[in-house]
Amino acid sequence: MSKKQKENSQQTISINGEDHNFNDFSDEQKAVINHIQDLDRKITSSQFNLEQLLFGKEAFMNRLNQSLEQAEEIA
């Protein structure tokens, strides 16, 4: 048995607080689990991207406010 096969045969997944052996699932259940895991990764990535976007927006707002303050000081 290859290392990857050993890892998969011992892989457990916790669902609603109950541990399950990944290999005990049907092919359809495995596919659903893979979709859920992929969506979790995408959600995490989207949250990270949103944080970056919000921070960037705040930085540009600060820059605009500074520019407006400087314009008022000159006038």
C-alpha atoms as a PDB file:
ATOM      1  CA  MET A   1       0.000   0.000   0.000  1.00  0.00           C
ATOM      2  CA  SER A   2       1.407   3.403  -0.941  1.00  0.00           C
ATOM      3  CA  LYS A   3       1.852   6.183   1.576  1.00  0.00           C
ATOM      4  CA  LYS A   4      -1.045   8.153   0.079  1.00  0.00           C
ATOM      5  CA  GLN A   5      -3.336   5.131   0.267  1.00  0.00           C
ATOM      6  CA  LYS A   6      -2.371   4.617   3.915  1.00  0.00           C
ATOM      7  CA  GLU A   7      -3.099   8.272   4.685  1.00  0.00           C
ATOM      8  CA  ASN A   8      -6.513   8.066   2.989  1.00  0.00           C
ATOM      9  CA  SER A   9      -7.410   4.820   4.722  1.00  0.00           C
ATOM     10  CA  GLN A  10      -6.691   6.410   8.097  1.00  0.00           C
ATOM     11  CA  GLN A  11      -8.252   9.792   7.344  1.00  0.00           C
ATOM     12  CA  THR A  12     -11.064  10.638   9.714  1.00  0.00           C
ATOM     13  CA  ILE A  13     -13.549  13.428   9.277  1.00  0.00           C
ATOM     14  CA  SER A  14     -15.568  14.936  12.080  1.00  0.00           C
ATOM     15  CA  ILE A  15     -19.178  15.683  11.172  1.00  0.00           C
ATOM     16  CA  ASN A  16     -21.487  17.085  13.832  1.00  0.00           C
ATOM     17  CA  GLY A  17     -19.027  16.001  16.512  1.00  0.00           C
ATOM     18  CA  GLU A  18     -18.813  12.411  15.295  1.00  0.00           C
ATOM     19  CA  ASP A  19     -15.667  10.984  13.684  1.00  0.00           C
ATOM     20  CA  HIS A  20     -15.999   9.010  10.453  1.00  0.00           C
ATOM     21  CA  ASN A  21     -13.469   7.106   8.353  1.00  0.00           C
ATOM     22  CA  PHE A  22     -13.311   8.774   4.942  1.00  0.00           C
ATOM     23  CA  ASN A  23     -13.194   5.399   3.165  1.00  0.00           C
ATOM     24  CA  ASP A  24     -16.495   4.366   4.736  1.00  0.00           C
ATOM     25  CA  PHE A  25     -18.338   7.007   2.710  1.00  0.00           C
ATOM     26  CA  SER A  26     -19.955   6.351  -0.647  1.00  0.00           C
ATOM     27  CA  ASP A  27     -18.486   7.984  -3.742  1.00  0.00           C
ATOM     28  CA  GLU A  28     -21.292  10.549  -3.686  1.00  0.00           C
ATOM     29  CA  GLN A  29     -20.615  11.364  -0.020  1.00  0.00           C
ATOM     30  CA  LYS A  30     -16.895  11.719  -0.741  1.00  0.00           C
ATOM     31  CA  ALA A  31     -17.687  14.118  -3.583  1.00  0.00           C
ATOM     32  CA  VAL A  32     -19.929  16.198  -1.314  1.00  0.00           C
ATOM     33  CA  ILE A  33     -17.204  16.290   1.348  1.00  0.00           C
ATOM     34  CA  ASN A  34     -14.690  17.442  -1.272  1.00  0.00           C
ATOM     35  CA  HIS A  35     -17.081  20.199  -2.353  1.00  0.00           C
ATOM     36  CA  ILE A  36     -17.544  21.316   1.262  1.00  0.00           C
ATOM     37  CA  GLN A  37     -13.793  21.397   1.842  1.00  0.00           C
ATOM     38  CA  ASP A  38     -13.239  23.353  -1.367  1.00  0.00           C
ATOM     39  CA  LEU A  39     -15.967  25.831  -0.422  1.00  0.00           C
ATOM     40  CA  ASP A  40     -14.372  26.266   3.019  1.00  0.00           C
ATOM     41  CA  ARG A  41     -11.069  27.132   1.320  1.00  0.00           C
ATOM     42  CA  LYS A  42     -12.824  29.583  -1.004  1.00  0.00           C
ATOM     43  CA  ILE A  43     -14.692  31.222   1.875  1.00  0.00           C
ATOM     44  CA  THR A  44     -11.442  31.646   3.815  1.00  0.00           C
ATOM     45  CA  SER A  45      -9.748  33.087   0.752  1.00  0.00           C
ATOM     46  CA  SER A  46     -12.674  35.426   0.093  1.00  0.00           C
ATOM     47  CA  GLN A  47     -12.613  36.661   3.687  1.00  0.00           C
ATOM     48  CA  PHE A  48      -8.875  37.327   3.373  1.00  0.00           C
ATOM     49  CA  ASN A  49      -9.428  39.199   0.096  1.00  0.00           C
ATOM     50  CA  LEU A  50     -12.259  41.219   1.649  1.00  0.00           C
ATOM     51  CA  GLU A  51      -9.978  42.262   4.516  1.00  0.00           C
ATOM     52  CA  GLN A  52      -7.369  43.413   1.996  1.00  0.00           C
ATOM     53  CA  LEU A  53      -9.970  45.332  -0.018  1.00  0.00           C
ATOM     54  CA  LEU A  54     -11.400  47.047   3.052  1.00  0.00           C
ATOM     55  CA  PHE A  55      -7.929  47.985   4.268  1.00  0.00           C
ATOM     56  CA  GLY A  56      -7.044  49.338   0.825  1.00  0.00           C
ATOM     57  CA  LYS A  57     -10.256  51.366   0.677  1.00  0.00           C
ATOM     58  CA  GLU A  58      -9.528  52.808   4.118  1.00  0.00           C
ATOM     59  CA  ALA A  59      -5.994  53.739   3.054  1.00  0.00           C
ATOM     60  CA  PHE A  60      -7.319  55.550  -0.032  1.00  0.00           C
ATOM     61  CA  MET A  61      -9.977  57.327   2.041  1.00  0.00           C
ATOM     62  CA  ASN A  62      -7.252  58.485   4.427  1.00  0.00           C
ATOM     63  CA  ARG A  63      -5.183  59.686   1.488  1.00  0.00           C
ATOM     64  CA  LEU A  64      -8.163  61.598   0.068  1.00  0.00           C
ATOM     65  CA  ASN A  65      -8.893  63.197   3.438  1.00  0.00           C
ATOM     66  CA  GLN A  66      -5.256  64.261   3.784  1.00  0.00           C
ATOM     67  CA  SER A  67      -5.363  65.746   0.294  1.00  0.00           C
ATOM     68  CA  LEU A  68      -8.541  67.669   1.107  1.00  0.00           C
ATOM     69  CA  GLU A  69      -7.032  68.980   4.351  1.00  0.00           C
ATOM     70  CA  GLN A  70      -3.938  70.166   2.494  1.00  0.00           C
ATOM     71  CA  ALA A  71      -6.088  71.898  -0.114  1.00  0.00           C
ATOM     72  CA  GLU A  72      -8.013  73.710   2.645  1.00  0.00           C
ATOM     73  CA  GLU A  73      -4.759  74.819   4.308  1.00  0.00           C
ATOM     74  CA  ILE A  74      -3.504  76.309   1.036  1.00  0.00           C
ATOM     75  CA  ALA A  75      -6.784  78.147   0.378  1.00  0.00           C
END
